[in-house]
Protein backbone atom coordinates (compact mmCIF):
# COMPACT_ATOMS: atom_id res chain seq x y z
CA MET A 1 0.00 0.00 0.00
CA LYS A 2 2.84 2.40 0.78
CA GLY A 3 4.30 1.86 -2.67
CA ILE A 4 0.93 2.50 -4.29
CA LEU A 5 0.53 5.80 -2.44
CA ILE A 6 4.07 6.90 -3.35
CA LEU A 7 3.30 6.13 -6.96
CA ALA A 8 0.04 8.10 -6.68
CA TYR A 9 1.92 11.09 -5.29
CA LYS A 10 4.56 11.04 -8.04
CA LEU A 11 1.89 10.63 -10.69
CA LEU A 12 0.04 13.65 -9.26
CA VAL A 13 2.93 16.10 -8.97
CA LYS A 14 4.50 15.03 -12.27
CA ASP A 15 1.82 16.94 -14.16
CA LYS A 16 2.68 20.33 -12.71
CA GLY A 17 0.12 22.20 -14.76
CA LYS A 18 -2.86 20.13 -13.61
CA TYR A 19 -1.55 19.93 -10.04
CA THR A 20 -1.17 23.71 -9.89
CA ALA A 21 -4.66 24.20 -11.32
CA LEU A 22 -6.11 21.87 -8.68
CA LEU A 23 -4.32 23.72 -5.88
CA VAL A 24 -5.37 27.12 -7.19
CA GLY A 25 -9.02 26.05 -7.47
CA THR A 26 -9.12 24.60 -3.95
CA THR A 27 -7.13 27.45 -2.41
CA PHE A 28 -9.29 30.12 -4.03
CA SER A 29 -12.49 28.38 -2.93
CA VAL A 30 -11.31 28.01 0.68
CA PHE A 31 -10.07 31.60 0.70
CA LEU A 32 -13.45 32.97 -0.38
CA ILE A 33 -15.37 30.73 2.03
CA VAL A 34 -13.23 31.72 5.02
CA GLN A 35 -13.30 35.40 4.09
CA MET A 36 -17.09 35.50 3.82
CA THR A 37 -17.86 33.44 6.92
CA SER A 38 -15.21 35.25 9.00
CA SER A 39 -16.63 38.63 8.07
CA PHE A 40 -20.08 37.38 9.02
CA ALA A 41 -18.80 36.03 12.35
CA GLY A 42 -17.15 39.39 13.04
CA ILE A 43 -20.38 41.25 12.31
CA LEU A 44 -22.35 38.96 14.64
CA THR A 45 -19.84 39.46 17.44
CA LYS A 46 -19.76 43.25 17.08
CA ALA A 47 -23.56 43.40 16.95
CA SER A 48 -23.60 41.92 20.46
CA ALA A 49 -20.72 44.09 21.68
CA THR A 50 -22.65 45.85 24.46
CA VAL A 51 -24.10 42.58 25.73
CA ILE A 52 -20.67 40.94 25.74
CA ASN A 53 -18.90 43.91 27.34
CA ILE A 54 -21.48 44.42 30.10
CA GLY A 55 -21.44 40.69 30.88
CA ALA A 56 -24.56 40.59 33.08
CA LYS A 57 -25.93 37.19 34.07
CA MET A 58 -29.48 38.10 33.01
CA TRP A 59 -31.17 40.93 31.13
CA VAL A 60 -34.74 42.16 31.53
CA MET A 61 -36.23 44.09 28.60
CA ASP A 62 -39.38 44.91 26.72
CA PRO A 63 -40.32 41.89 24.54
CA ALA A 64 -40.24 44.11 21.45
CA ALA A 65 -36.59 45.10 22.08
CA THR A 66 -34.88 41.75 21.50
CA ASN A 67 -33.46 42.49 18.06
CA SER A 68 -30.60 44.76 19.07
CA VAL A 69 -29.25 46.32 22.21
CA PHE A 70 -29.58 49.67 20.44
CA GLY A 71 -33.29 49.14 19.88
CA SER A 72 -34.20 49.24 23.56
CA ILE A 73 -37.66 50.33 24.67
CA PRO A 74 -37.58 52.21 28.01
CA MET A 75 -39.39 50.55 30.90
CA PRO A 76 -41.27 52.15 33.80
CA ASP A 77 -39.50 52.44 37.14
CA TYR A 78 -41.88 50.02 38.83
CA VAL A 79 -40.47 47.15 36.73
CA LEU A 80 -37.12 47.48 38.51
CA ASP A 81 -38.79 47.33 41.92
CA SER A 82 -40.89 44.34 40.86
CA VAL A 83 -37.85 42.46 39.56
CA ARG A 84 -35.94 43.11 42.77
CA SER A 85 -38.81 41.59 44.76
CA ILE A 86 -38.82 38.31 42.82
CA ASP A 87 -37.70 35.33 44.87
CA GLY A 88 -34.32 34.12 43.63
CA VAL A 89 -33.01 37.53 42.51
CA ASN A 90 -29.78 38.42 44.26
CA TYR A 91 -29.75 41.98 42.98
CA ALA A 92 -31.04 44.02 40.02
CA VAL A 93 -29.83 47.38 38.67
CA PRO A 94 -30.89 49.66 35.80
CA LEU A 95 -28.88 50.26 32.64
CA TYR A 96 -29.20 53.17 30.24
CA VAL A 97 -28.10 52.83 26.60
CA SER A 98 -28.58 55.58 24.05
CA SER A 99 -26.90 57.46 21.23
CA ALA A 100 -25.79 61.07 21.60
CA LEU A 101 -24.22 63.80 19.50
CA LEU A 102 -20.99 65.18 20.94
CA LYS A 103 -19.28 68.46 20.11
CA LEU A 104 -15.54 67.91 20.34
CA GLN A 105 -12.88 70.45 21.26
CA ASP A 106 -12.06 71.20 17.63
CA GLY A 107 -15.69 72.09 16.94
CA THR A 108 -16.60 68.94 15.01
CA TYR A 109 -19.60 66.80 15.89
CA GLN A 110 -19.44 63.06 16.48
CA SER A 111 -22.12 60.51 17.26
CA ALA A 112 -21.41 58.25 20.22
CA THR A 113 -23.04 55.54 22.26
CA VAL A 114 -23.51 56.50 25.90
CA ILE A 115 -23.96 53.77 28.50
CA GLY A 116 -25.21 54.80 31.91
CA LEU A 117 -24.18 52.41 34.70
CA ASP A 118 -25.97 52.01 38.01
CA ASP A 119 -24.66 54.75 40.32
CA THR A 120 -24.32 52.44 43.30
CA SER A 121 -22.73 49.29 41.87
CA LEU A 122 -21.38 50.38 38.45
CA LEU A 123 -22.29 46.89 37.28
CA GLY A 124 -20.87 46.28 33.80
CA ARG A 125 -18.07 48.84 34.08
CA PRO A 126 -15.17 48.39 31.64
CA GLU A 127 -11.58 47.69 32.56
CA LEU A 128 -9.63 50.92 32.97
CA VAL A 129 -6.16 51.36 31.49
CA GLN A 130 -5.92 55.01 32.56
CA GLY A 131 -7.64 56.90 35.34
CA ASN A 132 -9.52 55.89 38.47
CA ILE A 133 -13.00 54.37 38.40
CA ASP A 134 -14.07 56.58 41.31
CA ASP A 135 -13.60 59.64 39.10
CA ILE A 136 -16.73 58.66 37.17
CA PHE A 137 -18.67 60.14 40.10
CA ALA A 138 -16.91 63.47 39.66
CA GLU A 139 -18.78 66.32 38.00
CA ASN A 140 -19.21 65.71 34.25
CA GLY A 141 -17.16 62.48 34.40
CA PHE A 142 -17.13 60.11 31.41
CA ILE A 143 -15.01 57.06 30.54
CA ALA A 144 -13.98 56.62 26.89
CA VAL A 145 -13.53 53.15 25.42
CA LYS A 146 -10.27 52.73 23.54
CA ASP A 147 -11.37 50.55 20.64
CA GLU A 148 -11.35 50.85 16.85
CA GLU A 149 -13.60 53.93 17.02
CA PHE A 150 -11.57 55.75 19.67
CA PRO A 151 -9.77 58.05 17.17
CA LYS A 152 -13.15 59.48 16.13
CA LEU A 153 -13.22 61.22 19.51
CA GLY A 154 -9.92 62.92 18.64
CA ASN A 155 -7.82 60.43 20.65
CA PRO A 156 -8.78 62.07 23.96
CA THR A 157 -6.63 61.95 27.07
CA LEU A 158 -7.53 62.35 30.72
CA GLY A 159 -9.07 65.80 31.13
CA THR A 160 -10.24 66.19 27.53
CA GLU A 161 -13.52 68.09 27.40
CA PHE A 162 -16.51 67.93 25.05
CA GLU A 163 -20.13 69.08 24.94
CA LEU A 164 -23.20 66.88 25.09
CA ASN A 165 -26.53 68.64 24.67
CA ASP A 166 -25.03 71.89 26.06
CA HIS A 167 -23.58 69.99 29.02
CA ARG A 168 -19.85 69.87 29.69
CA GLY A 169 -18.27 66.42 29.67
CA VAL A 170 -14.79 65.46 30.85
CA ILE A 171 -12.88 62.27 30.07
CA VAL A 172 -11.80 60.89 33.44
CA GLY A 173 -10.78 57.41 32.30
CA ILE A 174 -9.69 55.36 29.29
CA ALA A 175 -10.95 51.78 29.19
CA THR A 176 -10.72 48.63 27.10
CA VAL A 177 -13.51 46.21 26.32
CA ALA A 178 -13.73 42.70 24.90
CA THR A 179 -15.43 43.68 21.64
CA GLY A 180 -15.68 46.89 19.68
CA ALA A 181 -19.01 48.25 18.44
CA LEU A 182 -20.44 47.40 15.03
CA PHE A 183 -22.00 50.63 13.88
CA GLY A 184 -18.87 52.78 13.74
CA THR A 185 -19.56 54.92 16.80
CA PRO A 186 -17.28 55.37 19.83
CA THR A 187 -18.55 54.43 23.27
CA LEU A 188 -18.67 56.43 26.50
CA TYR A 189 -19.55 55.19 29.99
CA THR A 190 -20.97 57.36 32.74
CA THR A 191 -23.36 57.03 35.65
CA TYR A 192 -27.03 56.28 35.11
CA ASN A 193 -28.30 59.53 36.61
CA ARG A 194 -25.86 61.68 34.64
CA ALA A 195 -26.81 59.92 31.39
CA ILE A 196 -30.54 60.58 31.81
CA GLN A 197 -29.83 64.19 32.78
CA TYR A 198 -27.60 64.93 29.79
CA ILE A 199 -29.49 63.05 27.07
CA PRO A 200 -33.10 63.92 26.16
CA SER A 201 -35.36 60.92 26.68
CA THR A 202 -38.94 59.86 27.26
CA ARG A 203 -40.51 59.79 30.72
CA PHE A 204 -39.27 56.19 31.12
CA THR A 205 -35.49 55.89 31.16
CA THR A 206 -34.57 52.30 32.08
CA SER A 207 -33.28 50.69 28.88
CA TYR A 208 -32.50 47.34 30.51
CA ILE A 209 -32.42 45.78 33.93
CA LEU A 210 -29.34 43.76 34.80
CA LEU A 211 -29.92 41.11 37.41
CA GLU A 212 -27.96 38.42 39.16
CA PRO A 213 -29.87 35.27 40.20
CA LYS A 214 -28.96 33.61 43.46
CA SER A 215 -28.36 30.37 41.57
CA ASP A 216 -28.82 28.97 38.06
CA SER A 217 -31.80 26.95 39.28
CA ASP A 218 -33.63 30.25 39.96
CA ILE A 219 -33.42 31.37 36.31
CA PRO A 220 -36.59 29.58 35.08
CA ARG A 221 -38.63 30.97 37.97
CA ILE A 222 -37.30 34.49 37.42
CA THR A 223 -38.07 34.25 33.70
CA GLU A 224 -41.63 33.15 34.47
CA GLN A 225 -42.22 35.90 37.02
CA VAL A 226 -40.86 38.57 34.68
CA ALA A 227 -43.11 37.26 31.91
CA ARG A 228 -46.11 37.76 34.18
CA LEU A 229 -45.12 41.42 34.41
CA GLY A 230 -45.32 41.60 30.63
CA TYR A 231 -41.55 41.74 30.09
CA LEU A 232 -38.82 39.40 28.94
CA ALA A 233 -35.91 38.00 30.95
CA GLN A 234 -33.01 36.40 29.10
CA THR A 235 -29.61 35.10 30.04
CA ASN A 236 -26.55 36.71 28.49
CA ASP A 237 -26.19 33.87 25.97
CA GLU A 238 -29.88 33.94 25.06
CA PHE A 239 -29.74 37.67 24.40
CA GLN A 240 -26.68 37.27 22.16
CA ASN A 241 -28.32 34.39 20.29
CA GLY A 242 -31.43 36.50 19.75
CA ILE A 243 -29.41 39.34 18.23
CA GLU A 244 -27.52 36.91 16.00
CA SER A 245 -30.74 35.19 14.89
CA TYR A 246 -32.23 38.53 13.94
CA LEU A 247 -29.23 39.42 11.78
CA ILE A 248 -29.16 35.99 10.16
CA TYR A 249 -32.83 35.48 9.41
CA LYS A 250 -34.41 38.95 9.34
CA THR A 251 -31.80 40.98 7.49
CA GLY A 252 -30.00 40.56 4.18
CA ILE A 253 -26.65 39.88 5.88
CA GLY A 254 -27.28 36.17 6.40
CA THR A 255 -28.69 35.65 2.90
CA ASN A 256 -25.84 37.49 1.19
CA THR A 257 -23.23 35.55 3.16
CA LEU A 258 -24.92 32.24 2.33
CA LEU A 259 -25.10 33.07 -1.38
CA MET A 260 -21.44 34.10 -1.55
CA THR A 261 -20.40 30.97 0.35
CA VAL A 262 -22.38 28.74 -2.01
CA ILE A 263 -20.92 30.53 -5.04
CA SER A 264 -17.39 30.09 -3.66
CA PHE A 265 -18.08 26.40 -3.11
CA LEU A 266 -19.45 25.93 -6.64
CA VAL A 267 -16.48 27.75 -8.15
CA GLY A 268 -14.05 25.48 -6.34
CA LEU A 269 -16.10 22.39 -7.17
CA SER A 270 -16.28 23.20 -10.87
CA ILE A 271 -12.58 24.05 -11.21
CA CYS A 272 -11.34 21.10 -9.17
CA GLY A 273 -13.83 18.60 -10.58
CA GLN A 274 -13.11 19.44 -14.22
CA THR A 275 -9.35 19.67 -13.72
CA PHE A 276 -9.13 16.42 -11.78
CA TYR A 277 -11.27 14.55 -14.31
CA THR A 278 -9.04 15.83 -17.12
CA PHE A 279 -6.02 14.69 -15.13
CA ILE A 280 -7.50 11.18 -14.84
CA ILE A 281 -8.31 11.01 -18.57
CA GLU A 282 -4.76 12.03 -19.50
CA ASN A 283 -3.29 9.35 -17.22
CA LEU A 284 -5.55 6.45 -18.15
CA GLU A 285 -2.64 4.53 -19.63
CA HIS A 286 -0.87 4.57 -16.27
CA PHE A 287 -3.92 3.24 -14.46
CA GLY A 288 -4.37 0.63 -17.20
CA ALA A 289 -0.75 -0.45 -16.79
CA LEU A 290 -1.22 -0.78 -13.03
CA LYS A 291 -4.31 -2.89 -13.61
CA ALA A 292 -2.43 -5.08 -16.07
CA MET A 293 0.33 -5.60 -13.51
CA GLY A 294 -2.20 -6.95 -11.03
CA ALA A 295 -3.38 -3.88 -9.15
CA LYS A 296 -6.83 -4.49 -7.76
CA GLY A 297 -9.78 -2.16 -8.17
CA ARG A 298 -9.70 -1.02 -4.56
CA GLU A 299 -6.01 -0.14 -4.87
CA LEU A 300 -6.77 2.07 -7.85
CA VAL A 301 -9.54 3.66 -5.78
CA TYR A 302 -6.97 4.34 -3.05
CA VAL A 303 -4.77 6.04 -5.63
CA ILE A 304 -7.59 8.33 -6.76
CA LEU A 305 -8.73 9.13 -3.22
CA PHE A 306 -5.19 9.84 -2.10
CA GLN A 307 -4.62 12.24 -4.99
CA ALA A 308 -7.93 14.05 -4.42
CA GLY A 309 -7.48 14.13 -0.64
CA PHE A 310 -3.86 15.28 -0.78
CA THR A 311 -4.71 18.11 -3.16
CA ALA A 312 -7.70 19.13 -1.03
CA LEU A 313 -5.69 19.24 2.21
CA VAL A 314 -2.82 21.23 0.69
CA GLY A 315 -5.29 23.65 -0.91
CA TYR A 316 -7.18 23.91 2.38
CA GLY A 317 -4.01 24.85 4.25
CA LEU A 318 -2.98 27.40 1.63
CA GLY A 319 -6.49 28.92 1.57
CA ILE A 320 -6.64 29.24 5.37
CA GLY A 321 -3.18 30.75 5.48
CA LEU A 322 -3.91 33.25 2.72
CA ALA A 323 -7.22 34.29 4.28
CA THR A 324 -5.66 34.68 7.74
CA VAL A 325 -2.79 36.80 6.45
CA LEU A 326 -5.09 39.10 4.49
CA ILE A 327 -7.50 39.48 7.43
CA ALA A 328 -4.59 40.36 9.73
CA ALA A 329 -3.24 42.84 7.18
CA ALA A 330 -6.68 44.41 6.73
CA LYS A 331 -7.06 44.87 10.49
CA LEU A 332 -3.69 46.62 10.67
CA ARG A 333 -4.81 49.16 8.08
CA LEU A 334 -8.52 49.20 9.00
CA PRO A 335 -8.91 48.53 12.74
CA GLU A 336 -12.72 48.64 12.50
CA TYR A 337 -12.71 45.80 9.96
CA ALA A 338 -15.22 43.26 11.28
CA SER A 339 -13.77 39.80 10.66
CA ARG A 340 -13.10 36.92 13.02
CA VAL A 341 -11.81 33.46 12.17
CA THR A 342 -13.57 30.86 14.32
CA TYR A 343 -13.45 27.07 14.60
CA THR A 344 -16.89 27.03 12.97
CA ASN A 345 -15.53 28.88 9.91
CA LEU A 346 -12.60 26.49 9.66
CA GLY A 347 -14.85 23.46 10.12
CA LEU A 348 -17.29 24.63 7.45
CA ALA A 349 -14.46 25.28 4.99
CA PHE A 350 -12.99 21.84 5.71
CA LEU A 351 -16.37 20.17 5.19
CA LEU A 352 -16.86 21.89 1.84
CA VAL A 353 -13.32 20.95 0.78
CA VAL A 354 -14.04 17.33 1.66
CA ILE A 355 -17.16 17.48 -0.51
CA ILE A 356 -15.13 18.97 -3.37
CA ALA A 357 -12.52 16.23 -3.04
CA SER A 358 -15.21 13.52 -2.80
CA VAL A 359 -17.05 14.66 -5.91
CA SER A 360 -13.81 15.04 -7.86
CA GLY A 361 -12.58 11.66 -6.68
CA TYR A 362 -15.89 9.96 -7.45
CA ALA A 363 -15.80 11.09 -11.06
CA GLY A 364 -12.24 9.78 -11.40
CA VAL A 365 -13.00 6.48 -9.68
CA ARG A 366 -15.90 5.72 -12.01
CA ARG A 367 -13.73 6.34 -15.06
CA VAL A 368 -10.74 4.33 -13.83
CA LEU A 369 -12.76 1.29 -12.74
CA LYS A 370 -14.22 1.00 -16.25
CA ILE A 371 -10.83 0.86 -17.93
CA GLU A 372 -9.58 -2.40 -19.36
CA PRO A 373 -5.84 -3.03 -19.84
CA PHE A 374 -6.55 -4.54 -23.25
CA ASP A 375 -7.96 -1.23 -24.50
CA ILE A 376 -4.92 0.67 -23.32
CA PHE A 377 -2.30 -1.63 -24.82
CA ARG A 378 -4.27 -2.02 -28.04
CA GLY A 379 -4.23 1.77 -28.42
């Protein structure tokens, strides 16, 4: 068997033109698949940025506000008191999320997302790299998130001032978060009361309620009790999944990604299938000679499968490497570029490559098994 596989390898690489065409087709297909799915994964992650960065155990919201954290519907104050009284709730605090228009020191205007944290606990506060968290309670105190959108604020430092709805704001801290925002706007953190004072809003101001259950076994009961109030309680993972489901099934993002992935797969399948079949046809005399020398049908099948599988694996590795390098290079030049390579992306690309190799190999196997040594030598 070892000798057969060595022969299969030499037979494959001897025809450099066909071998190169097979590698190019597989590599290009994998590259496109990984690029599309990685961009989609990056968009899904950034869409849930606020949920991920806050990191609350459970979220309470209006049932109509499950599509995006930026589509919150303010809740009356009594909802917070009712949630706190539910058996199994360790604590519950309000959260304010809204967009605002800032006037920077140079006179330019910049949209930003303002997150108001509970004044008492500051639940969901980001990790500071500069400044002191206690300074957020100072007059006009705001914390700026240093992510991809940070330069849009003019790269502020501690003490940088701006205007928000004719109110003076001061940067008292620079923070980092796990995930940057999707919609191209920088993020500021402040206290809940300051946020509702500075930003015009409706008479209800609680965007979400963050709560901590006493134990995981209390989650179903809390969810049921909140539902009786007419509101929705979700765990952190459930909220993220809801946002992702909305983007996948109720927007054009999921459909466009699926179409481009299918097109990439078909391109690779057509190039590799046609090239590999041509390669088999041009080497029929070699397979006929092997059969005449006593090679069994299954050994010829091993030769075909080895050639298809070897080409697919090499092309898969080259495609992954090329996609990873280009994504890394794009992020160096465009920090806000939303792309993230995940195990799911890699697994999907590998599965599609296996299908490409299987279809290509199947066409070759059928042709080789029909060959008769007599026909080869007679020709």
